[in-house]
Amino acid sequence: MTDLKAFLRILTINSGSSSLKVGLYTRDQTECLVFSANLERIGCPDRRIQVKDAQGVPVFDQSVLLPDHTTALKVWLDWLQSNNPDLMALVSN
């Protein structure tokens, strides 16, 4: 695997009234998607998070408590930390 510390990391966030769409990219010569996530129906009873890898394959899909957008972003960052701590350390630096 390529040393991710050599790349710039880009975190994109698109916030809607009841959703959060996020993407994590690395950038060397071009931008490369690492993960994307949709956190849907924030504040509603039937809310979920779905995370996809760079190929668009779902790697996580679960109903979670999302009372507000702040919690939704924390859920995404917590997922990233627990599933790829090296990437998370790079995002937080």
Protein backbone atom coordinates (compact mmCIF):
# COMPACT_ATOMS: atom_id res chain seq x y z
CA MET A 1 0.00 0.00 0.00
CA THR A 2 1.15 3.52 -0.74
CA ASP A 3 2.39 5.59 2.21
CA LEU A 4 -0.60 7.89 2.81
CA LYS A 5 1.54 10.38 4.74
CA ALA A 6 3.00 11.48 1.40
CA PHE A 7 -0.42 12.68 0.22
CA LEU A 8 -2.59 15.66 0.96
CA ARG A 9 -5.92 14.62 2.53
CA ILE A 10 -9.16 16.33 1.59
CA LEU A 11 -12.37 15.93 3.58
CA THR A 12 -15.51 17.11 1.80
CA ILE A 13 -18.80 17.73 3.59
CA ASN A 14 -22.17 18.40 1.99
CA SER A 15 -24.83 19.15 4.57
CA GLY A 16 -28.52 19.09 3.76
CA SER A 17 -31.51 19.66 6.02
CA SER A 18 -31.60 16.01 7.14
CA SER A 19 -28.49 14.49 5.58
CA LEU A 20 -24.73 14.65 5.54
CA LYS A 21 -22.64 13.43 2.61
CA VAL A 22 -18.91 13.19 3.19
CA GLY A 23 -15.92 12.10 1.18
CA LEU A 24 -12.32 11.47 2.11
CA TYR A 25 -9.76 11.89 -0.67
CA THR A 26 -6.01 11.72 -1.02
CA ARG A 27 -4.22 13.94 -3.50
CA ASP A 28 -0.88 13.46 -5.17
CA GLN A 29 -1.02 14.20 -8.90
CA THR A 30 -4.80 13.61 -8.93
CA GLU A 31 -7.54 13.30 -6.34
CA CYS A 32 -8.38 9.73 -5.29
CA LEU A 33 -11.47 8.87 -3.29
CA VAL A 34 -10.75 6.71 -0.25
CA PHE A 35 -14.21 6.54 1.40
CA SER A 36 -17.57 8.22 0.97
CA ALA A 37 -20.47 8.18 3.40
CA ASN A 38 -24.13 9.12 3.41
CA LEU A 39 -25.73 9.83 6.76
CA GLU A 40 -29.44 10.07 6.06
CA ARG A 41 -32.65 11.09 7.82
CA ILE A 42 -30.85 12.96 10.60
CA GLY A 43 -33.32 13.66 13.40
CA CYS A 44 -35.76 11.02 12.14
CA PRO A 45 -36.50 7.57 13.53
CA ASP A 46 -35.27 5.60 10.50
CA ARG A 47 -31.78 7.14 10.13
CA ARG A 48 -28.71 5.35 8.73
CA ILE A 49 -25.11 5.60 7.76
CA GLN A 50 -23.72 3.95 4.67
CA VAL A 51 -19.98 4.01 3.93
CA LYS A 52 -18.55 3.01 0.55
CA ASP A 53 -14.97 2.35 -0.47
CA ALA A 54 -13.19 3.91 -3.46
CA GLN A 55 -14.86 1.45 -5.85
CA GLY A 56 -18.35 2.31 -4.55
CA VAL A 57 -18.74 -0.97 -2.69
CA PRO A 58 -20.63 -0.62 0.61
CA VAL A 59 -18.35 -1.47 3.54
CA PHE A 60 -20.72 -0.39 6.33
CA ASP A 61 -24.50 0.09 6.40
CA GLN A 62 -26.29 0.47 9.70
CA SER A 63 -29.07 2.26 11.51
CA VAL A 64 -27.55 4.61 14.12
CA LEU A 65 -28.78 7.35 16.43
CA LEU A 66 -28.43 10.66 14.57
CA PRO A 67 -30.32 13.35 16.49
CA ASP A 68 -28.44 16.22 14.80
CA HIS A 69 -25.72 17.06 12.26
CA THR A 70 -23.00 17.38 14.91
CA THR A 71 -23.66 13.82 16.04
CA ALA A 72 -23.76 12.63 12.42
CA LEU A 73 -20.31 14.08 11.73
CA LYS A 74 -18.99 12.53 14.96
CA VAL A 75 -20.40 9.13 13.92
CA TRP A 76 -18.55 9.39 10.59
CA LEU A 77 -15.26 10.44 12.21
CA ASP A 78 -15.59 7.70 14.85
CA TRP A 79 -16.19 5.11 12.10
CA LEU A 80 -13.14 6.35 10.24
CA GLN A 81 -11.01 6.25 13.39
CA SER A 82 -12.05 2.71 14.30
CA ASN A 83 -11.74 1.33 10.76
CA ASN A 84 -8.64 3.11 9.53
CA PRO A 85 -6.81 4.93 12.35
CA ASP A 86 -3.88 5.88 10.10
CA LEU A 87 -6.17 7.88 7.83
CA MET A 88 -7.93 9.48 10.79
CA ALA A 89 -4.66 10.58 12.35
CA LEU A 90 -3.76 12.23 9.07
CA VAL A 91 -7.12 14.00 8.79
CA SER A 92 -6.88 15.40 12.31
CA ASN A 93 -3.33 16.76 11.88
